[in-house]
């Protein structure tokens, strides 16, 4: 989606979006080929755009342009990684520099140090320093296991102790990754999939904070993308006679009412989470539909499956504990963990 033929933005044309005097979109200009197709030599016309109206004459949407608006008058969205791209660049540059320094340090095994000055070297080799340097160049030392290293008079072998990787390398990388996670609204533990430094409480707090953001994004996507697509599909199916829906346009909101269930968030401690879900339903803070949806399940399908299983068990003559008696068992006075409770 871009301006045809590289036109500059104007009052009524913004980055491929044609707007009216009130700023509402009227049409979208979609390029029918990629700019790089001109180099393929297939005779592709890269100057071909298609103008697609925002809606038909009777109000049916033709284009769904989904983006997160951060300010009034914004017509195009920005990538989610925009705010943290400099952090990625900085981290990549730092890690490359550390790797280069570590490789260079690994190539050096030891140093040969000499305490002799130029005059002493000249006297030792008959006044010729060049002979000493020539002998040095021809002298080849290979460090191997159990080897004895012959050295010149006065020389000593000094071990090489590299300072790479830097002692603060891990802490610096972790700090940068925490900034990246904050920019993405993702906790560090979830970003790196590393819960080795967390306990139950901190892990649960991190996951709850992450799921708060994920739920908001999921609701936003379902509202502005999934539901409109479902409405357009249902309308088309009804108009083709594939689905019977009396008085569809008079009761469109009722016919198109839907709820989208995504993947379940899982449980950190299944026993505690299950008891908490049971308690929420008992005191009226939640419903079976909400609890099933949080785990990516449809409550009607769950009940239907339970009914089928119960009927099959009865048919086979098997005996099981009544589900209601299990749910109504009083666990209020029982500890939720293995902690010893003293009176």
Protein backbone atom coordinates (compact mmCIF):
# COMPACT_ATOMS: atom_id res chain seq x y z
CA UNK A 1 0.00 0.00 0.00
CA UNK A 2 1.69 3.19 -1.21
CA UNK A 3 1.11 6.31 -3.31
CA UNK A 4 0.78 5.59 -7.04
CA UNK A 5 3.91 6.30 -9.09
CA UNK A 6 5.77 7.61 -6.08
CA UNK A 7 3.58 10.67 -5.56
CA UNK A 8 4.22 12.85 -2.54
CA UNK A 9 1.71 12.89 0.29
CA UNK A 10 -0.97 15.53 -0.07
CA UNK A 11 -4.02 16.73 1.79
CA UNK A 12 -6.16 13.87 0.54
CA UNK A 13 -3.50 11.19 -0.06
CA UNK A 14 -1.45 9.75 2.81
CA UNK A 15 0.91 6.81 2.27
CA UNK A 16 -1.41 5.06 -0.16
CA UNK A 17 -4.62 5.96 1.69
CA UNK A 18 -7.09 8.31 0.04
CA UNK A 19 -9.01 10.29 2.68
CA UNK A 20 -11.89 12.74 2.67
CA UNK A 21 -12.18 16.19 4.24
CA UNK A 22 -12.84 14.62 7.66
CA UNK A 23 -9.83 12.28 7.53
CA UNK A 24 -11.90 9.13 6.98
CA UNK A 25 -10.49 6.64 4.44
CA UNK A 26 -12.16 6.61 1.03
CA UNK A 27 -9.93 4.24 -0.91
CA UNK A 28 -6.63 2.36 -0.75
CA UNK A 29 -4.00 2.23 -3.47
CA UNK A 30 -2.43 -1.24 -3.62
CA UNK A 31 0.61 -1.95 -5.75
CA UNK A 32 0.11 -5.12 -7.78
CA UNK A 33 3.80 -6.08 -7.91
CA UNK A 34 6.91 -5.79 -5.79
CA UNK A 35 9.41 -3.03 -6.70
CA UNK A 36 12.17 -5.62 -6.89
CA UNK A 37 10.33 -7.56 -9.64
CA UNK A 38 11.78 -5.20 -12.24
CA UNK A 39 15.20 -6.84 -11.78
CA UNK A 40 13.86 -10.34 -12.48
CA UNK A 41 13.42 -9.70 -16.19
CA UNK A 42 9.97 -11.26 -16.42
CA UNK A 43 8.36 -8.22 -17.99
CA UNK A 44 6.44 -7.33 -14.82
CA UNK A 45 4.81 -3.91 -14.87
CA UNK A 46 5.92 -2.32 -11.60
CA UNK A 47 3.91 0.84 -12.26
CA UNK A 48 0.51 -0.84 -11.90
CA UNK A 49 -1.63 0.18 -8.91
CA UNK A 50 -5.20 -0.74 -8.09
CA UNK A 51 -7.56 1.67 -6.37
CA UNK A 52 -9.83 -0.25 -3.98
CA UNK A 53 -12.71 1.71 -2.39
CA UNK A 54 -13.05 1.52 1.38
CA UNK A 55 -16.61 0.18 1.06
CA UNK A 56 -19.23 -0.55 -1.57
CA UNK A 57 -22.08 1.81 -2.37
CA UNK A 58 -24.32 -0.04 0.11
CA UNK A 59 -21.76 0.06 2.94
CA UNK A 60 -20.07 -3.36 2.73
CA UNK A 61 -16.42 -3.17 3.78
CA UNK A 62 -13.90 -4.01 1.08
CA UNK A 63 -10.69 -3.23 2.96
CA UNK A 64 -9.74 -4.02 6.54
CA UNK A 65 -6.74 -1.92 7.52
CA UNK A 66 -5.69 -2.97 11.01
CA UNK A 67 -3.13 -0.92 12.92
CA UNK A 68 -2.70 0.48 16.41
CA UNK A 69 -3.44 4.20 16.45
CA UNK A 70 -1.30 6.14 18.89
CA UNK A 71 -2.45 9.63 17.94
CA UNK A 72 -5.31 11.39 16.21
CA UNK A 73 -4.92 11.55 12.45
CA UNK A 74 -2.57 8.58 12.22
CA UNK A 75 -3.28 6.62 9.03
CA UNK A 76 -0.50 4.03 9.07
CA UNK A 77 0.79 1.83 11.85
CA UNK A 78 4.36 1.28 12.93
CA UNK A 79 6.13 -2.04 13.58
CA UNK A 80 6.11 -3.38 17.12
CA UNK A 81 9.92 -3.48 17.18
CA UNK A 82 10.37 0.18 16.28
CA UNK A 83 11.08 1.40 19.80
CA UNK A 84 13.69 -1.25 20.57
CA UNK A 85 15.56 -1.55 17.26
CA UNK A 86 18.47 0.57 18.62
CA UNK A 87 18.76 -1.89 21.51
CA UNK A 88 19.08 -4.81 19.09
CA UNK A 89 21.75 -2.94 17.13
CA UNK A 90 23.69 -2.09 20.28
CA UNK A 91 23.51 -5.67 21.57
CA UNK A 92 24.65 -7.08 18.23
CA UNK A 93 27.60 -4.67 18.05
CA UNK A 94 28.65 -5.44 21.63
CA UNK A 95 28.47 -9.21 21.18
CA UNK A 96 30.46 -9.04 17.94
CA UNK A 97 33.16 -6.97 19.65
CA UNK A 98 33.33 -9.38 22.58
CA UNK A 99 33.56 -12.34 20.22
CA UNK A 100 36.38 -10.75 18.21
CA UNK A 101 38.30 -9.93 21.40
CA UNK A 102 37.81 -13.46 22.73
CA UNK A 103 39.05 -15.01 19.45
CA UNK A 104 42.14 -12.80 19.39
CA UNK A 105 42.92 -13.60 23.02
CA UNK A 106 42.51 -17.30 22.38
CA UNK A 107 45.20 -17.17 19.67
CA UNK A 108 47.86 -16.03 22.18
CA UNK A 109 49.25 -18.69 24.51
CA UNK A 110 52.15 -16.97 26.30
CA UNK A 111 54.76 -14.22 26.09
CA UNK A 112 58.57 -14.50 26.16
CA UNK A 113 59.93 -11.64 28.20
CA UNK A 114 63.59 -10.54 28.37
CA UNK A 115 65.10 -8.16 30.96
CA UNK A 116 68.11 -7.32 28.74
CA UNK A 117 68.51 -3.87 27.25
CA UNK A 118 70.06 -3.07 23.88
CA UNK A 119 73.66 -2.72 25.18
CA UNK A 120 73.54 -6.01 27.07
CA UNK A 121 72.21 -7.80 24.01
CA UNK A 122 75.00 -6.28 21.90
CA UNK A 123 77.70 -7.38 24.33
CA UNK A 124 76.30 -10.89 24.55
CA UNK A 125 76.24 -11.36 20.77
CA UNK A 126 79.55 -9.66 20.00
CA UNK A 127 78.13 -6.17 19.50
CA UNK A 128 75.56 -7.20 16.88
CA UNK A 129 71.93 -6.66 17.83
CA UNK A 130 70.83 -7.71 14.34
CA UNK A 131 72.16 -11.22 14.90
CA UNK A 132 70.07 -11.47 18.05
CA UNK A 133 66.89 -10.33 16.24
CA UNK A 134 67.59 -12.74 13.37
CA UNK A 135 67.95 -15.60 15.81
CA UNK A 136 64.72 -14.57 17.44
CA UNK A 137 62.86 -14.67 14.11
CA UNK A 138 64.14 -18.16 13.37
CA UNK A 139 63.29 -19.42 16.85
CA UNK A 140 60.05 -21.40 16.77
CA UNK A 141 58.28 -22.37 19.99
CA UNK A 142 55.29 -24.70 20.09
CA UNK A 143 53.41 -25.16 23.32
CA UNK A 144 52.34 -28.78 23.78
CA UNK A 145 51.46 -31.00 26.68
CA UNK A 146 54.54 -31.88 28.78
CA UNK A 147 56.88 -29.86 26.53
CA UNK A 148 60.15 -28.27 27.73
CA UNK A 149 60.61 -24.76 26.38
CA UNK A 150 64.22 -23.67 25.71
CA UNK A 151 64.66 -19.93 26.14
CA UNK A 152 67.44 -17.42 25.61
CA UNK A 153 69.67 -16.36 28.51
CA UNK A 154 67.79 -14.02 30.81
CA UNK A 155 64.39 -14.71 29.21
CA UNK A 156 61.31 -15.95 31.03
CA UNK A 157 57.94 -17.31 29.94
CA UNK A 158 55.01 -15.15 31.08
CA UNK A 159 51.55 -16.74 30.93
CA UNK A 160 48.85 -14.85 29.06
CA UNK A 161 45.73 -14.20 31.12
CA UNK A 162 43.06 -12.76 28.81
CA UNK A 163 40.32 -10.51 30.13
CA UNK A 164 37.73 -11.79 27.65
CA UNK A 165 34.97 -12.51 27.94
CA UNK A 166 34.47 -9.49 30.14
CA UNK A 167 33.34 -10.21 33.70
CA UNK A 168 30.37 -7.90 33.19
CA UNK A 169 29.37 -9.44 29.86
CA UNK A 170 26.47 -11.51 31.16
CA UNK A 171 25.09 -8.73 33.35
CA UNK A 172 25.25 -6.22 30.49
CA UNK A 173 23.53 -8.56 28.01
CA UNK A 174 20.84 -9.39 30.58
CA UNK A 175 20.23 -5.69 31.22
CA UNK A 176 19.83 -5.00 27.50
CA UNK A 177 17.45 -7.94 27.15
CA UNK A 178 15.37 -6.63 30.06
CA UNK A 179 15.02 -3.30 28.25
CA UNK A 180 13.99 -5.15 25.09
CA UNK A 181 11.42 -7.16 27.04
CA UNK A 182 10.03 -3.99 28.61
CA UNK A 183 9.68 -2.45 25.14
CA UNK A 184 7.78 -5.53 23.95
CA UNK A 185 5.67 -5.78 27.14
CA UNK A 186 7.14 -9.25 27.73
CA UNK A 187 8.82 -10.21 31.03
CA UNK A 188 12.47 -11.15 30.83
CA UNK A 189 11.78 -14.72 31.99
CA UNK A 190 9.26 -15.26 29.22
CA UNK A 191 11.39 -13.47 26.61
CA UNK A 192 14.40 -15.74 27.26
CA UNK A 193 12.32 -18.77 28.37
CA UNK A 194 14.52 -18.86 31.45
CA UNK A 195 12.86 -19.37 34.84
CA UNK A 196 15.98 -20.65 36.58
CA UNK A 197 16.29 -17.52 38.74
CA UNK A 198 12.64 -17.27 39.76
CA UNK A 199 10.43 -18.91 42.33
CA UNK A 200 6.73 -19.71 42.15
CA UNK A 201 5.54 -16.24 43.17
CA UNK A 202 7.79 -14.28 40.81
CA UNK A 203 7.12 -16.66 37.91
CA UNK A 204 3.38 -16.37 38.42
CA UNK A 205 3.58 -12.58 38.66
CA UNK A 206 5.59 -12.45 35.43
CA UNK A 207 3.15 -14.71 33.59
CA UNK A 208 0.12 -12.78 34.86
CA UNK A 209 1.63 -9.49 33.69
CA UNK A 210 2.41 -11.02 30.30
CA UNK A 211 -1.06 -12.49 29.91
CA UNK A 212 -2.62 -9.16 30.78
CA UNK A 213 -0.90 -7.70 27.73
CA UNK A 214 -1.59 -10.77 25.57
CA UNK A 215 -5.29 -10.71 26.47
CA UNK A 216 -5.58 -7.05 25.53
CA UNK A 217 -3.86 -7.68 22.19
CA UNK A 218 -6.01 -10.74 21.57
CA UNK A 219 -9.18 -8.78 22.30
CA UNK A 220 -8.03 -5.97 20.01
CA UNK A 221 -7.30 -8.38 17.17
CA UNK A 222 -10.59 -10.20 17.62
CA UNK A 223 -12.57 -6.94 17.66
CA UNK A 224 -10.98 -5.22 14.69
CA UNK A 225 -9.98 -8.18 12.53
CA UNK A 226 -11.50 -11.56 13.36
CA UNK A 227 -15.06 -10.37 13.98
CA UNK A 228 -15.32 -8.15 10.85
CA UNK A 229 -13.96 -11.03 8.74
CA UNK A 230 -16.54 -13.37 10.27
CA UNK A 231 -19.34 -10.87 9.61
CA UNK A 232 -18.32 -10.47 5.95
CA UNK A 233 -18.04 -14.23 5.48
CA UNK A 234 -21.41 -14.88 7.11
CA UNK A 235 -23.11 -12.18 5.05
CA UNK A 236 -21.71 -13.64 1.84
CA UNK A 237 -22.74 -17.18 2.80
CA UNK A 238 -26.28 -16.00 3.60
CA UNK A 239 -26.59 -14.06 0.34
CA UNK A 240 -25.51 -17.17 -1.58
CA UNK A 241 -28.17 -19.25 0.16
CA UNK A 242 -25.68 -21.49 1.95
CA UNK A 243 -26.96 -20.47 5.39
CA UNK A 244 -30.53 -19.63 6.40
CA UNK A 245 -30.75 -16.52 8.58
CA UNK A 246 -34.20 -14.90 8.62
CA UNK A 247 -34.16 -11.10 9.01
CA UNK A 248 -30.36 -11.05 8.93
CA UNK A 249 -29.98 -7.34 8.20
CA UNK A 250 -32.65 -6.37 10.74
CA UNK A 251 -30.87 -8.41 13.45
CA UNK A 252 -27.30 -8.36 12.16
CA UNK A 253 -25.78 -7.72 15.59
CA UNK A 254 -27.47 -10.82 17.01
CA UNK A 255 -26.57 -13.06 14.07
CA UNK A 256 -22.93 -11.99 14.04
CA UNK A 257 -22.41 -12.08 17.79
CA UNK A 258 -19.43 -14.30 18.52
CA UNK A 259 -16.66 -14.96 21.01
CA UNK A 260 -13.14 -15.90 20.02
CA UNK A 261 -11.22 -18.40 22.15
CA UNK A 262 -7.46 -18.50 21.78
CA UNK A 263 -4.85 -20.92 23.14
CA UNK A 264 -4.94 -21.51 26.89
CA UNK A 265 -2.47 -19.77 29.15
CA UNK A 266 -1.64 -22.90 31.16
CA UNK A 267 -1.12 -23.24 34.88
CA UNK A 268 1.98 -22.75 36.99
CA UNK A 269 0.61 -24.97 39.77
CA UNK A 270 -2.37 -27.03 38.47
CA UNK A 271 -3.68 -27.93 41.93
CA UNK A 272 -3.74 -24.37 43.25
CA UNK A 273 -5.08 -22.97 39.98
CA UNK A 274 -7.88 -25.53 39.81
CA UNK A 275 -8.92 -24.83 43.41
CA UNK A 276 -8.83 -21.09 42.72
CA UNK A 277 -11.05 -21.56 39.64
CA UNK A 278 -13.47 -23.64 41.68
CA UNK A 279 -13.59 -20.98 44.39
CA UNK A 280 -14.18 -18.17 41.88
CA UNK A 281 -17.16 -20.02 40.45
CA UNK A 282 -18.53 -20.78 43.91
CA UNK A 283 -18.59 -17.15 45.05
CA UNK A 284 -19.81 -15.87 41.68
CA UNK A 285 -16.67 -14.09 40.44
CA UNK A 286 -16.38 -16.31 37.37
CA UNK A 287 -18.32 -18.77 35.24
CA UNK A 288 -17.58 -22.12 33.66
CA UNK A 289 -17.47 -20.39 30.28
CA UNK A 290 -14.76 -17.96 31.43
CA UNK A 291 -12.68 -20.63 33.14
CA UNK A 292 -12.80 -22.90 30.11
CA UNK A 293 -11.98 -20.01 27.76
CA UNK A 294 -8.90 -19.14 29.83
CA UNK A 295 -7.62 -22.65 29.09
CA UNK A 296 -8.51 -22.50 25.40
CA UNK A 297 -11.63 -24.68 25.76
CA UNK A 298 -15.29 -24.27 24.81
CA UNK A 299 -17.49 -24.85 27.84
CA UNK A 300 -20.29 -26.39 25.77
CA UNK A 301 -17.91 -28.87 24.20
CA UNK A 302 -16.52 -29.72 27.64
CA UNK A 303 -19.99 -30.45 29.04
CA UNK A 304 -21.01 -32.45 25.98
CA UNK A 305 -17.84 -34.50 26.23
CA UNK A 306 -18.46 -35.11 29.95
CA UNK A 307 -22.00 -36.28 29.16
CA UNK A 308 -20.72 -38.67 26.49
CA UNK A 309 -18.08 -40.07 28.82
CA UNK A 310 -20.58 -40.52 31.64
CA UNK A 311 -23.01 -42.29 29.32
CA UNK A 312 -20.24 -44.55 28.05
CA UNK A 313 -19.14 -45.43 31.59
CA UNK A 314 -22.73 -46.27 32.54
CA UNK A 315 -23.11 -48.33 29.38
CA UNK A 316 -20.03 -50.38 30.25
CA UNK A 317 -21.22 -50.89 33.82
CA UNK A 318 -18.26 -49.16 35.40
CA UNK A 319 -18.42 -47.28 38.74
CA UNK A 320 -16.85 -43.89 39.27
CA UNK A 321 -17.07 -41.30 42.00
CA UNK A 322 -19.75 -38.75 41.49
CA UNK A 323 -18.24 -35.57 40.04
CA UNK A 324 -20.48 -33.32 42.10
CA UNK A 325 -19.43 -34.97 45.35
CA UNK A 326 -15.79 -34.40 44.46
CA UNK A 327 -16.36 -30.73 43.62
CA UNK A 328 -18.39 -30.16 46.80
CA UNK A 329 -15.76 -31.72 49.07
CA UNK A 330 -14.76 -29.20 51.72
CA UNK A 331 -11.06 -28.44 51.20
CA UNK A 332 -11.18 -25.12 53.01
CA UNK A 333 -9.24 -26.36 56.04
CA UNK A 334 -6.68 -28.34 54.07
CA UNK A 335 -3.32 -26.71 53.25
CA UNK A 336 -2.60 -26.02 49.60
CA UNK A 337 1.02 -27.15 49.88
CA UNK A 338 3.26 -29.30 52.05
CA UNK A 339 3.80 -26.62 54.68
CA UNK A 340 3.48 -27.87 58.24
CA UNK A 341 0.81 -25.88 60.06
CA UNK A 342 1.29 -25.60 63.80
CA UNK A 343 -1.67 -24.83 66.13
